Amino acid sequence: MSTETGPLIRSDPGEFAGLLSAGDRDDLLRLGRRRRWPAGATLFSEGDRSTTVVLVLSGRAKVFSLTEQGGEVLLAIRGPGALLGEMSALDGAPRSASVSALEPLDTYVVTVTSFLQFLNSHPDAAVRIVRMIVSRLRDADRKRVEFGTYDTLGRVALRLAELAERFGASQDDAVRITLPLTQDELAAWTGSSRESVTKALRVLRRQNIIETSRRSVTVIDLDRLRARAK
């Protein structure tokens, strides 16, 4: 099992696997089966019946919902250690959002029945999942306030700062965002049009706060980016 649990020890901050004890984490992995997904693959579709939860070992996925007009609203990005599909598993309702792979994913898939049995027999893990869900709800509330308070430039700066902190790789005096996020996906995450995001990125480039290339952003001055988000 050591080869399976290694990546989970390096889970992103606040993700489920990182909150579990080593013993609980190993017990959960024993209930699942390993599965890999290519970039672009759909793990769940909104409205589907819940039959499994997915624990991410490596790679990143996006959680999103579709509007009645067919537009995409990006709700969250999840990385190593993340648990996906837990809400439907807990309340038995259809999937409230879709999930797809932004990068190749290495995961463990656990049936809902096994997952609920795991929580019943591991009370500390059950407490951890409640805390994780509360944290996500608080984050969702914070983003709703941001949508009503900040202009597009401020929202784009906020999300780029978050991406740099969560998925950034130091590069000399800059931070390169390693997540392959498109401008359409950034627009969906900030509740903006693609044209507005393009303009916001242009402003940040002109101010020498960021540099951009195809599906890549490098933050030259993270402090100024954070300040621009206020």
C-alpha atoms as a PDB file:
ATOM      1  CA  MET A   1       0.000   0.000   0.000  1.00  0.00           C
ATOM      2  CA  SER A   2       2.895   2.421   0.493  1.00  0.00           C
ATOM      3  CA  THR A   3       3.184   3.040  -3.225  1.00  0.00           C
ATOM      4  CA  GLU A   4      -0.521   3.907  -3.373  1.00  0.00           C
ATOM      5  CA  THR A   5      -0.696   6.268  -0.398  1.00  0.00           C
ATOM      6  CA  GLY A   6       2.486   8.259  -1.100  1.00  0.00           C
ATOM      7  CA  PRO A   7       0.881  10.875  -3.400  1.00  0.00           C
ATOM      8  CA  LEU A   8      -1.954  11.426  -0.926  1.00  0.00           C
ATOM      9  CA  ILE A   9       0.444  12.546   1.791  1.00  0.00           C
ATOM     10  CA  ARG A  10       1.266  15.489  -0.475  1.00  0.00           C
ATOM     11  CA  SER A  11      -2.385  16.452  -0.926  1.00  0.00           C
ATOM     12  CA  ASP A  12      -3.351  20.063  -1.511  1.00  0.00           C
ATOM     13  CA  PRO A  13      -4.137  22.027   1.673  1.00  0.00           C
ATOM     14  CA  GLY A  14      -7.638  21.423   2.986  1.00  0.00           C
ATOM     15  CA  GLU A  15      -8.341  18.423   0.762  1.00  0.00           C
ATOM     16  CA  PHE A  16      -9.911  15.329   2.299  1.00  0.00           C
ATOM     17  CA  ALA A  17      -6.985  12.895   2.112  1.00  0.00           C
ATOM     18  CA  GLY A  18      -4.709  15.356   3.860  1.00  0.00           C
ATOM     19  CA  LEU A  19      -7.190  15.658   6.731  1.00  0.00           C
ATOM     20  CA  LEU A  20      -7.312  11.906   7.377  1.00  0.00           C
ATOM     21  CA  SER A  21      -5.015   9.903   9.610  1.00  0.00           C
ATOM     22  CA  ALA A  22      -2.697   7.526   7.763  1.00  0.00           C
ATOM     23  CA  GLY A  23      -4.690   4.543   9.030  1.00  0.00           C
ATOM     24  CA  ASP A  24      -8.041   5.943   7.914  1.00  0.00           C
ATOM     25  CA  ARG A  25      -6.598   6.869   4.544  1.00  0.00           C
ATOM     26  CA  ASP A  26      -5.260   3.348   3.994  1.00  0.00           C
ATOM     27  CA  ASP A  27      -8.599   1.829   5.019  1.00  0.00           C
ATOM     28  CA  LEU A  28     -10.416   4.009   2.502  1.00  0.00           C
ATOM     29  CA  LEU A  29      -8.014   3.096  -0.307  1.00  0.00           C
ATOM     30  CA  ARG A  30      -8.551  -0.605   0.360  1.00  0.00           C
ATOM     31  CA  LEU A  31     -12.222  -0.128  -0.507  1.00  0.00           C
ATOM     32  CA  GLY A  32     -11.535   1.348  -3.932  1.00  0.00           C
ATOM     33  CA  ARG A  33     -10.078   0.500  -7.281  1.00  0.00           C
ATOM     34  CA  ARG A  34      -7.400   2.443  -9.115  1.00  0.00           C
ATOM     35  CA  ARG A  35      -8.508   4.328 -12.213  1.00  0.00           C
ATOM     36  CA  ARG A  36      -6.767   6.771 -14.532  1.00  0.00           C
ATOM     37  CA  TRP A  37      -8.540   9.402 -16.613  1.00  0.00           C
ATOM     38  CA  PRO A  38      -7.110  11.317 -19.598  1.00  0.00           C
ATOM     39  CA  ALA A  39      -7.246  15.111 -19.748  1.00  0.00           C
ATOM     40  CA  GLY A  40     -10.732  16.199 -20.808  1.00  0.00           C
ATOM     41  CA  ALA A  41     -12.458  13.062 -19.534  1.00  0.00           C
ATOM     42  CA  THR A  42     -15.785  13.447 -17.715  1.00  0.00           C
ATOM     43  CA  LEU A  43     -15.870  11.867 -14.263  1.00  0.00           C
ATOM     44  CA  PHE A  44     -19.419  12.902 -13.350  1.00  0.00           C
ATOM     45  CA  SER A  45     -22.254  14.651 -15.153  1.00  0.00           C
ATOM     46  CA  GLU A  46     -24.695  16.997 -13.461  1.00  0.00           C
ATOM     47  CA  GLY A  47     -28.019  15.286 -12.786  1.00  0.00           C
ATOM     48  CA  ASP A  48     -26.626  11.736 -12.818  1.00  0.00           C
ATOM     49  CA  ARG A  49     -27.427   9.303 -10.028  1.00  0.00           C
ATOM     50  CA  SER A  50     -24.611   8.985  -7.518  1.00  0.00           C
ATOM     51  CA  THR A  51     -22.953   5.556  -7.396  1.00  0.00           C
ATOM     52  CA  THR A  52     -19.308   6.386  -6.616  1.00  0.00           C
ATOM     53  CA  VAL A  53     -16.962   8.889  -5.015  1.00  0.00           C
ATOM     54  CA  VAL A  54     -13.495   9.574  -6.404  1.00  0.00           C
ATOM     55  CA  LEU A  55     -10.318  10.269  -4.439  1.00  0.00           C
ATOM     56  CA  VAL A  56      -7.672  12.097  -6.470  1.00  0.00           C
ATOM     57  CA  LEU A  57      -4.095  10.854  -6.195  1.00  0.00           C
ATOM     58  CA  SER A  58      -2.559  13.193  -8.760  1.00  0.00           C
ATOM     59  CA  GLY A  59      -3.693  15.690 -11.374  1.00  0.00           C
ATOM     60  CA  ARG A  60      -6.378  18.345 -11.228  1.00  0.00           C
ATOM     61  CA  ALA A  61     -10.065  18.396 -12.081  1.00  0.00           C
ATOM     62  CA  LYS A  62     -12.629  21.134 -12.536  1.00  0.00           C
ATOM     63  CA  VAL A  63     -16.077  21.176 -10.981  1.00  0.00           C
ATOM     64  CA  PHE A  64     -18.612  23.054 -13.070  1.00  0.00           C
ATOM     65  CA  SER A  65     -22.281  23.563 -13.833  1.00  0.00           C
ATOM     66  CA  LEU A  66     -24.022  24.407 -17.090  1.00  0.00           C
ATOM     67  CA  THR A  67     -26.488  27.261 -17.456  1.00  0.00           C
ATOM     68  CA  GLU A  68     -29.796  26.943 -19.303  1.00  0.00           C
ATOM     69  CA  GLN A  69     -28.149  28.749 -22.211  1.00  0.00           C
ATOM     70  CA  GLY A  70     -25.373  26.167 -22.364  1.00  0.00           C
ATOM     71  CA  GLY A  71     -22.704  28.330 -20.763  1.00  0.00           C
ATOM     72  CA  GLU A  72     -20.287  26.943 -18.199  1.00  0.00           C
ATOM     73  CA  VAL A  73     -19.922  28.163 -14.615  1.00  0.00           C
ATOM     74  CA  LEU A  74     -16.683  26.932 -13.085  1.00  0.00           C
ATOM     75  CA  LEU A  75     -17.277  26.241  -9.394  1.00  0.00           C
ATOM     76  CA  ALA A  76     -13.945  24.898  -8.171  1.00  0.00           C
ATOM     77  CA  ILE A  77     -10.643  23.295  -9.073  1.00  0.00           C
ATOM     78  CA  ARG A  78      -9.630  20.195  -7.141  1.00  0.00           C
ATOM     79  CA  GLY A  79      -6.182  18.649  -6.943  1.00  0.00           C
ATOM     80  CA  PRO A  80      -4.314  15.824  -5.193  1.00  0.00           C
ATOM     81  CA  GLY A  81      -6.096  14.526  -2.112  1.00  0.00           C
ATOM     82  CA  ALA A  82      -9.489  15.849  -3.180  1.00  0.00           C
ATOM     83  CA  LEU A  83     -12.672  13.868  -2.684  1.00  0.00           C
ATOM     84  CA  LEU A  84     -15.151  14.254  -5.539  1.00  0.00           C
ATOM     85  CA  GLY A  85     -18.845  13.378  -5.475  1.00  0.00           C
ATOM     86  CA  GLU A  86     -19.209  13.347  -1.695  1.00  0.00           C
ATOM     87  CA  MET A  87     -22.308  15.596  -1.549  1.00  0.00           C
ATOM     88  CA  SER A  88     -24.475  13.259  -3.621  1.00  0.00           C
ATOM     89  CA  ALA A  89     -23.075  10.274  -1.765  1.00  0.00           C
ATOM     90  CA  LEU A  90     -24.185  11.766   1.548  1.00  0.00           C
ATOM     91  CA  ASP A  91     -27.667  13.004   0.635  1.00  0.00           C
ATOM     92  CA  GLY A  92     -28.574  10.548  -2.146  1.00  0.00           C
ATOM     93  CA  ALA A  93     -29.588  13.350  -4.515  1.00  0.00           C
ATOM     94  CA  PRO A  94     -28.490  13.511  -8.163  1.00  0.00           C
ATOM     95  CA  ARG A  95     -25.108  15.068  -8.950  1.00  0.00           C
ATOM     96  CA  SER A  96     -25.292  18.828  -8.403  1.00  0.00           C
ATOM     97  CA  ALA A  97     -22.363  19.554 -10.745  1.00  0.00           C
ATOM     98  CA  SER A  98     -20.190  17.987 -13.409  1.00  0.00           C
ATOM     99  CA  VAL A  99     -16.514  17.097 -12.995  1.00  0.00           C
ATOM    100  CA  SER A 100     -13.927  16.736 -15.747  1.00  0.00           C
ATOM    101  CA  ALA A 101     -10.161  16.267 -15.837  1.00  0.00           C
ATOM    102  CA  LEU A 102      -8.084  19.365 -16.530  1.00  0.00           C
ATOM    103  CA  GLU A 103      -5.007  17.124 -16.562  1.00  0.00           C
ATOM    104  CA  PRO A 104      -4.502  13.345 -16.605  1.00  0.00           C
ATOM    105  CA  LEU A 105      -5.874  12.068 -13.309  1.00  0.00           C
ATOM    106  CA  ASP A 106      -4.778   9.144 -11.170  1.00  0.00           C
ATOM    107  CA  THR A 107      -7.589   8.254  -8.763  1.00  0.00           C
ATOM    108  CA  TYR A 108      -9.257   5.701  -6.528  1.00  0.00           C
ATOM    109  CA  VAL A 109     -12.948   5.055  -7.166  1.00  0.00           C
ATOM    110  CA  VAL A 110     -15.056   3.907  -4.201  1.00  0.00           C
ATOM    111  CA  THR A 111     -18.712   2.875  -4.360  1.00  0.00           C
ATOM    112  CA  VAL A 112     -21.142   5.016  -2.384  1.00  0.00           C
ATOM    113  CA  THR A 113     -22.175   2.005  -0.293  1.00  0.00           C
ATOM    114  CA  SER A 114     -18.565   1.287   0.713  1.00  0.00           C
ATOM    115  CA  PHE A 115     -17.878   4.957   1.355  1.00  0.00           C
ATOM    116  CA  LEU A 116     -20.869   5.340   3.693  1.00  0.00           C
ATOM    117  CA  GLN A 117     -19.859   2.185   5.549  1.00  0.00           C
ATOM    118  CA  PHE A 118     -16.366   3.639   5.889  1.00  0.00           C
ATOM    119  CA  LEU A 119     -17.730   6.832   7.462  1.00  0.00           C
ATOM    120  CA  ASN A 120     -19.924   4.834   9.851  1.00  0.00           C
ATOM    121  CA  SER A 121     -16.939   2.833  11.059  1.00  0.00           C
ATOM    122  CA  HIS A 122     -14.455   5.731  11.092  1.00  0.00           C
ATOM    123  CA  PRO A 123     -16.021   8.560  13.148  1.00  0.00           C
ATOM    124  CA  ASP A 124     -12.955  10.783  12.933  1.00  0.00           C
ATOM    125  CA  ALA A 125     -13.128  10.648   9.131  1.00  0.00           C
ATOM    126  CA  ALA A 126     -16.826  11.549   9.313  1.00  0.00           C
ATOM    127  CA  VAL A 127     -15.987  14.648  11.362  1.00  0.00           C
ATOM    128  CA  ARG A 128     -13.257  15.550   8.881  1.00  0.00           C
ATOM    129  CA  ILE A 129     -15.631  15.409   5.925  1.00  0.00           C
ATOM    130  CA  VAL A 130     -18.114  17.682   7.718  1.00  0.00           C
ATOM    131  CA  ARG A 131     -15.340  20.215   8.332  1.00  0.00           C
ATOM    132  CA  MET A 132     -14.246  19.984   4.708  1.00  0.00           C
ATOM    133  CA  ILE A 133     -17.789  20.597   3.438  1.00  0.00           C
ATOM    134  CA  VAL A 134     -18.225  23.573   5.797  1.00  0.00           C
ATOM    135  CA  SER A 135     -14.950  25.017   4.509  1.00  0.00           C
ATOM    136  CA  ARG A 136     -16.140  24.655   0.911  1.00  0.00           C
ATOM    137  CA  LEU A 137     -19.460  26.331   1.741  1.00  0.00           C
ATOM    138  CA  ARG A 138     -17.618  29.253   3.341  1.00  0.00           C
ATOM    139  CA  ASP A 139     -15.433  29.548   0.248  1.00  0.00           C
ATOM    140  CA  ALA A 140     -18.523  29.540  -1.974  1.00  0.00           C
ATOM    141  CA  ASP A 141     -20.083  32.300   0.148  1.00  0.00           C
ATOM    142  CA  ARG A 142     -16.887  34.347  -0.124  1.00  0.00           C
ATOM    143  CA  LYS A 143     -16.870  34.030  -3.918  1.00  0.00           C
ATOM    144  CA  ARG A 144     -20.510  35.147  -4.118  1.00  0.00           C
ATOM    145  CA  VAL A 145     -19.570  38.295  -2.201  1.00  0.00           C
ATOM    146  CA  GLU A 146     -16.635  38.843  -4.575  1.00  0.00           C
ATOM    147  CA  PHE A 147     -18.941  38.613  -7.611  1.00  0.00           C
ATOM    148  CA  GLY A 148     -21.105  41.385  -6.198  1.00  0.00           C
ATOM    149  CA  THR A 149     -18.213  43.562  -4.988  1.00  0.00           C
ATOM    150  CA  TYR A 150     -15.348  43.400  -7.490  1.00  0.00           C
ATOM    151  CA  ASP A 151     -15.197  44.368 -11.140  1.00  0.00           C
ATOM    152  CA  THR A 152     -13.909  41.891 -13.726  1.00  0.00           C
ATOM    153  CA  LEU A 153     -10.303  43.016 -13.320  1.00  0.00           C
ATOM    154  CA  GLY A 154     -10.503  42.545  -9.558  1.00  0.00           C
ATOM    155  CA  ARG A 155     -12.068  39.088  -9.890  1.00  0.00           C
ATOM    156  CA  VAL A 156      -9.469  37.987 -12.442  1.00  0.00           C
ATOM    157  CA  ALA A 157      -6.673  39.247 -10.194  1.00  0.00           C
ATOM    158  CA  LEU A 158      -8.164  37.359  -7.237  1.00  0.00           C
ATOM    159  CA  ARG A 159      -8.364  34.089  -9.144  1.00  0.00           C
ATOM    160  CA  LEU A 160      -4.857  34.459 -10.595  1.00  0.00           C
ATOM    161  CA  ALA A 161      -3.474  35.130  -7.121  1.00  0.00           C
ATOM    162  CA  GLU A 162      -5.270  32.030  -5.830  1.00  0.00           C
ATOM    163  CA  LEU A 163      -3.929  29.936  -8.719  1.00  0.00           C
ATOM    164  CA  ALA A 164      -0.394  31.218  -8.139  1.00  0.00           C
ATOM    165  CA  GLU A 165      -0.605  30.303  -4.448  1.00  0.00           C
ATOM    166  CA  ARG A 166      -2.162  26.878  -5.013  1.00  0.00           C
ATOM    167  CA  PHE A 167      -0.606  25.799  -8.305  1.00  0.00           C
ATOM    168  CA  GLY A 168       2.396  28.068  -8.708  1.00  0.00           C
ATOM    169  CA  ALA A 169       5.975  27.024  -9.444  1.00  0.00           C
ATOM    170  CA  SER A 170       8.734  29.448  -8.489  1.00  0.00           C
ATOM    171  CA  GLN A 171      10.694  30.628 -11.502  1.00  0.00           C
ATOM    172  CA  ASP A 172      13.479  33.114 -10.674  1.00  0.00           C
ATOM    173  CA  ASP A 173      11.576  36.029  -9.087  1.00  0.00           C
ATOM    174  CA  ALA A 174       8.263  35.051 -10.681  1.00  0.00           C
ATOM    175  CA  VAL A 175       5.598  32.378 -10.173  1.00  0.00           C
ATOM    176  CA  ARG A 176       4.414  30.295 -13.121  1.00  0.00           C
ATOM    177  CA  ILE A 177       0.875  28.965 -12.821  1.00  0.00           C
ATOM    178  CA  THR A 178       1.154  25.300 -13.791  1.00  0.00           C
ATOM    179  CA  LEU A 179      -2.569  24.692 -14.245  1.00  0.00           C
ATOM    180  CA  PRO A 180      -3.530  24.575 -17.961  1.00  0.00           C
ATOM    181  CA  LEU A 181      -6.575  26.839 -17.629  1.00  0.00           C
ATOM    182  CA  THR A 182      -8.045  28.438 -20.753  1.00  0.00           C
ATOM    183  CA  GLN A 183      -9.371  31.984 -20.921  1.00  0.00           C
ATOM    184  CA  ASP A 184     -12.869  30.531 -21.344  1.00  0.00           C
ATOM    185  CA  GLU A 185     -12.440  28.554 -18.113  1.00  0.00           C
ATOM    186  CA  LEU A 186     -11.058  31.608 -16.305  1.00  0.00           C
ATOM    187  CA  ALA A 187     -14.092  33.561 -17.534  1.00  0.00           C
ATOM    188  CA  ALA A 188     -16.398  30.804 -16.258  1.00  0.00           C
ATOM    189  CA  TRP A 189     -14.648  30.928 -12.873  1.00  0.00           C
ATOM    190  CA  THR A 190     -14.942  34.701 -12.521  1.00  0.00           C
ATOM    191  CA  GLY A 191     -18.489  35.043 -13.822  1.00  0.00           C
ATOM    192  CA  SER A 192     -17.260  37.154 -16.729  1.00  0.00           C
ATOM    193  CA  SER A 193     -17.259  37.092 -20.505  1.00  0.00           C
ATOM    194  CA  ARG A 194     -14.203  35.891 -22.359  1.00  0.00           C
ATOM    195  CA  GLU A 195     -13.788  39.357 -23.858  1.00  0.00           C
ATOM    196  CA  SER A 196     -13.756  40.967 -20.389  1.00  0.00           C
ATOM    197  CA  VAL A 197     -11.159  38.481 -19.173  1.00  0.00           C
ATOM    198  CA  THR A 198      -8.997  39.168 -22.234  1.00  0.00           C
ATOM    199  CA  LYS A 199      -9.128  42.899 -21.451  1.00  0.00           C
ATOM    200  CA  ALA A 200      -8.294  42.284 -17.770  1.00  0.00           C
ATOM    201  CA  LEU A 201      -5.282  40.155 -18.690  1.00  0.00           C
ATOM    202  CA  ARG A 202      -4.143  42.858 -21.117  1.00  0.00           C
ATOM    203  CA  VAL A 203      -4.274  45.476 -18.342  1.00  0.00           C
ATOM    204  CA  LEU A 204      -2.270  43.251 -15.974  1.00  0.00           C
ATOM    205  CA  ARG A 205       0.303  42.617 -18.695  1.00  0.00           C
ATOM    206  CA  ARG A 206       0.675  46.333 -19.413  1.00  0.00           C
ATOM    207  CA  GLN A 207       1.247  46.963 -15.712  1.00  0.00           C
ATOM    208  CA  ASN A 208       4.007  44.307 -15.758  1.00  0.00           C
ATOM    209  CA  ILE A 209       2.174  42.230 -13.164  1.00  0.00           C
ATOM    210  CA  ILE A 210       1.823  39.103 -15.321  1.00  0.00           C
ATOM    211  CA  GLU A 211       3.087  37.554 -18.537  1.00  0.00           C
ATOM    212  CA  THR A 212       0.929  35.263 -20.660  1.00  0.00           C
ATOM    213  CA  SER A 213       1.455  32.652 -23.323  1.00  0.00           C
ATOM    214  CA  ARG A 214      -0.798  29.929 -24.712  1.00  0.00           C
ATOM    215  CA  ARG A 215      -2.682  28.417 -21.714  1.00  0.00           C
ATOM    216  CA  SER A 216       0.021  29.721 -19.366  1.00  0.00           C
ATOM    217  CA  VAL A 217       0.304  32.673 -16.990  1.00  0.00           C
ATOM    218  CA  THR A 218       3.412  33.783 -15.124  1.00  0.00           C
ATOM    219  CA  VAL A 219       2.938  36.167 -12.204  1.00  0.00           C
ATOM    220  CA  ILE A 220       5.819  38.643 -12.173  1.00  0.00           C
ATOM    221  CA  ASP A 221       4.727  40.520  -9.041  1.00  0.00           C
ATOM    222  CA  LEU A 222       2.424  38.567  -6.727  1.00  0.00           C
ATOM    223  CA  ASP A 223       2.176  41.377  -4.175  1.00  0.00           C
ATOM    224  CA  ARG A 224       0.959  43.848  -6.796  1.00  0.00           C
ATOM    225  CA  LEU A 225      -1.457  41.222  -8.137  1.00  0.00           C
ATOM    226  CA  ARG A 226      -2.933  40.745  -4.662  1.00  0.00           C
ATOM    227  CA  ALA A 227      -3.140  44.526  -4.235  1.00  0.00           C
ATOM    228  CA  ARG A 228      -4.947  44.871  -7.569  1.00  0.00           C
ATOM    229  CA  ALA A 229      -7.501  42.348  -6.346  1.00  0.00           C
ATOM    230  CA  LYS A 230      -8.510  44.567  -3.398  1.00  0.00           C
END
